[in-house]
Protein backbone atom coordinates (compact mmCIF):
# COMPACT_ATOMS: atom_id res chain seq x y z
CA UNK A 1 -41.72 82.51 -14.41
CA UNK A 2 -45.19 83.95 -14.00
CA UNK A 3 -44.09 86.40 -11.29
CA UNK A 4 -41.54 88.41 -13.29
CA UNK A 5 -42.30 92.10 -12.79
CA UNK A 6 -42.57 94.45 -15.76
CA UNK A 7 -39.50 96.66 -15.46
CA UNK A 8 -36.62 98.34 -17.20
CA UNK A 9 -33.05 97.29 -16.43
CA UNK A 10 -30.42 99.92 -15.71
CA UNK A 11 -27.27 97.97 -16.62
CA UNK A 12 -25.06 100.85 -15.45
CA UNK A 13 -25.84 100.07 -11.80
CA UNK A 14 -25.45 96.27 -12.00
CA UNK A 15 -22.08 95.05 -10.73
CA UNK A 16 -19.63 93.56 -13.26
CA UNK A 17 -17.89 90.33 -12.34
CA UNK A 18 -14.81 88.95 -14.07
CA UNK A 19 -14.65 85.33 -15.29
CA UNK A 20 -11.41 84.07 -16.84
CA UNK A 21 -11.69 81.54 -19.64
CA UNK A 22 -9.14 79.15 -21.06
CA UNK A 23 -8.02 82.24 -22.94
CA UNK A 24 -9.32 85.75 -22.41
CA UNK A 25 -11.90 86.97 -19.93
CA UNK A 26 -15.66 87.45 -19.84
CA UNK A 27 -17.35 90.19 -17.83
CA UNK A 28 -20.85 89.49 -16.54
CA UNK A 29 -23.62 91.69 -15.27
CA UNK A 30 -26.29 89.43 -13.78
CA UNK A 31 -29.90 90.00 -12.78
CA UNK A 32 -31.85 87.24 -10.96
CA UNK A 33 -35.64 87.17 -11.26
CA UNK A 34 -36.94 84.10 -9.46
CA UNK A 35 -35.50 81.11 -11.30
CA UNK A 36 -34.54 83.23 -14.31
CA UNK A 37 -31.01 84.60 -14.73
CA UNK A 38 -30.47 87.45 -17.20
CA UNK A 39 -26.87 88.31 -18.01
CA UNK A 40 -25.19 90.94 -20.12
CA UNK A 41 -21.78 89.52 -21.04
CA UNK A 42 -18.78 91.16 -22.69
CA UNK A 43 -15.97 88.96 -23.99
CA UNK A 44 -12.34 89.99 -24.46
CA UNK A 45 -10.65 89.24 -27.76
CA UNK A 46 -9.77 85.57 -28.19
CA UNK A 47 -12.05 84.53 -25.30
CA UNK A 48 -12.52 80.76 -25.07
CA UNK A 49 -14.74 79.29 -22.36
CA UNK A 50 -13.18 76.87 -19.90
CA UNK A 51 -16.25 74.61 -19.71
CA UNK A 52 -19.27 73.25 -21.62
CA UNK A 53 -22.59 74.48 -20.31
CA UNK A 54 -25.47 71.99 -20.33
CA UNK A 55 -28.21 74.59 -19.70
CA UNK A 56 -30.38 76.07 -22.39
CA UNK A 57 -29.66 79.67 -23.36
CA UNK A 58 -31.10 82.50 -25.37
CA UNK A 59 -28.26 84.65 -26.70
CA UNK A 60 -28.64 88.04 -28.38
CA UNK A 61 -25.56 89.69 -29.91
CA UNK A 62 -25.59 93.41 -29.11
CA UNK A 63 -22.32 94.34 -30.81
CA UNK A 64 -19.62 92.64 -32.84
CA UNK A 65 -19.64 88.95 -33.65
CA UNK A 66 -20.08 85.86 -31.47
CA UNK A 67 -19.22 82.25 -32.26
CA UNK A 68 -20.71 79.55 -30.07
CA UNK A 69 -19.19 76.10 -30.42
CA UNK A 70 -21.33 73.23 -29.16
CA UNK A 71 -19.97 70.02 -27.60
CA UNK A 72 -20.69 68.31 -30.95
CA UNK A 73 -18.28 70.70 -32.70
CA UNK A 74 -21.10 72.55 -34.46
CA UNK A 75 -20.46 76.31 -34.61
CA UNK A 76 -23.16 78.96 -34.58
CA UNK A 77 -22.09 82.47 -35.56
CA UNK A 78 -24.09 85.51 -34.44
CA UNK A 79 -23.57 89.02 -35.73
CA UNK A 80 -24.87 92.26 -34.26
CA UNK A 81 -28.64 92.01 -33.83
CA UNK A 82 -28.82 88.20 -34.22
CA UNK A 83 -30.44 85.93 -31.63
CA UNK A 84 -30.17 82.17 -31.06
């Protein structure tokens, strides 16, 4: 990750892709920088993922509230401005 250029990201020009969950839908805007993937994600009400992700993540809640449930059942709740 040493070759990531210093830059601003104009999210308005990055394509949105739709990803249905078990319930609801998530909308992703994705930027790839080498092996790093940066995503801005918007979830519909009652969104529930259809899979468990094994990768590590850094999540920052821009607006609203976000509950992440781990495979162990542990729940982490983020509010606007929180990061995990």
